[in-house]
């Protein structure tokens, strides 16, 4: 479209990878830095593991905010 604003460009954009393998980044974080990133609803976890994660997160970061659900 003629006269339309152009999207911003950055010379650093060439260094941004096209796709990030999230699982590999999590693995690298754990192996290199001892940082664990896990979603509480990860299907690979059983009920006991999910409860343990919820307990640890609450202990370290406080209770999770309750999301209100609108009805009808």
Protein backbone atom coordinates (compact mmCIF):
# COMPACT_ATOMS: atom_id res chain seq x y z
CA UNK A 1 0.00 0.00 0.00
CA UNK A 2 1.45 3.32 -1.05
CA UNK A 3 1.92 5.85 1.75
CA UNK A 4 1.24 3.32 4.52
CA UNK A 5 3.54 3.42 7.53
CA UNK A 6 6.35 0.93 7.33
CA UNK A 7 6.99 -1.54 10.12
CA UNK A 8 9.98 -0.66 12.29
CA UNK A 9 13.26 -2.25 11.32
CA UNK A 10 16.22 -3.14 13.46
CA UNK A 11 19.74 -4.04 12.45
CA UNK A 12 19.69 -6.57 15.28
CA UNK A 13 16.76 -8.48 13.74
CA UNK A 14 19.14 -10.73 11.81
CA UNK A 15 20.32 -12.19 15.14
CA UNK A 16 16.84 -13.26 16.25
CA UNK A 17 16.28 -16.95 15.53
CA UNK A 18 13.25 -17.94 13.48
CA UNK A 19 12.02 -20.58 15.91
CA UNK A 20 12.96 -21.30 19.48
CA UNK A 21 12.88 -24.86 20.79
CA UNK A 22 11.30 -24.11 24.15
CA UNK A 23 11.92 -27.57 25.58
CA UNK A 24 15.61 -27.34 24.66
CA UNK A 25 15.86 -23.93 26.35
CA UNK A 26 14.27 -25.39 29.50
CA UNK A 27 16.71 -28.31 29.38
CA UNK A 28 19.67 -25.96 28.95
CA UNK A 29 18.48 -23.76 31.82
CA UNK A 30 18.27 -26.78 34.11
CA UNK A 31 21.58 -28.35 33.05
CA UNK A 32 23.66 -25.17 32.96
CA UNK A 33 22.08 -22.99 35.64
CA UNK A 34 19.92 -25.18 37.86
CA UNK A 35 16.79 -23.26 36.82
CA UNK A 36 13.60 -25.28 36.48
CA UNK A 37 10.76 -23.99 34.31
CA UNK A 38 7.60 -26.07 34.43
CA UNK A 39 3.92 -25.40 33.86
CA UNK A 40 1.66 -26.63 36.62
CA UNK A 41 -0.65 -28.19 34.03
CA UNK A 42 2.10 -30.03 32.11
CA UNK A 43 0.49 -33.31 30.95
CA UNK A 44 3.72 -35.22 31.67
CA UNK A 45 3.18 -34.66 35.41
CA UNK A 46 0.95 -36.68 37.66
CA UNK A 47 -1.38 -35.26 40.28
CA UNK A 48 1.22 -35.51 43.06
CA UNK A 49 3.86 -33.66 41.03
CA UNK A 50 1.39 -30.89 40.13
CA UNK A 51 0.42 -30.48 43.77
CA UNK A 52 4.08 -30.35 44.78
CA UNK A 53 4.72 -27.60 42.20
CA UNK A 54 1.70 -25.62 43.43
CA UNK A 55 2.92 -25.96 47.01
CA UNK A 56 6.48 -24.85 46.16
CA UNK A 57 5.27 -21.92 44.05
CA UNK A 58 2.93 -20.76 46.82
CA UNK A 59 5.73 -21.00 49.36
CA UNK A 60 8.21 -19.07 47.21
CA UNK A 61 5.94 -16.55 45.48
CA UNK A 62 2.69 -16.42 47.48
CA UNK A 63 -0.78 -17.61 46.66
CA UNK A 64 -1.88 -17.46 43.04
CA UNK A 65 -4.51 -14.82 42.27
CA UNK A 66 -7.97 -16.30 41.85
CA UNK A 67 -9.49 -15.71 38.43
CA UNK A 68 -13.17 -14.86 38.51
CA UNK A 69 -15.40 -16.54 35.96
CA UNK A 70 -18.33 -14.58 34.56
CA UNK A 71 -21.57 -16.56 34.48
CA UNK A 72 -24.29 -16.01 31.86
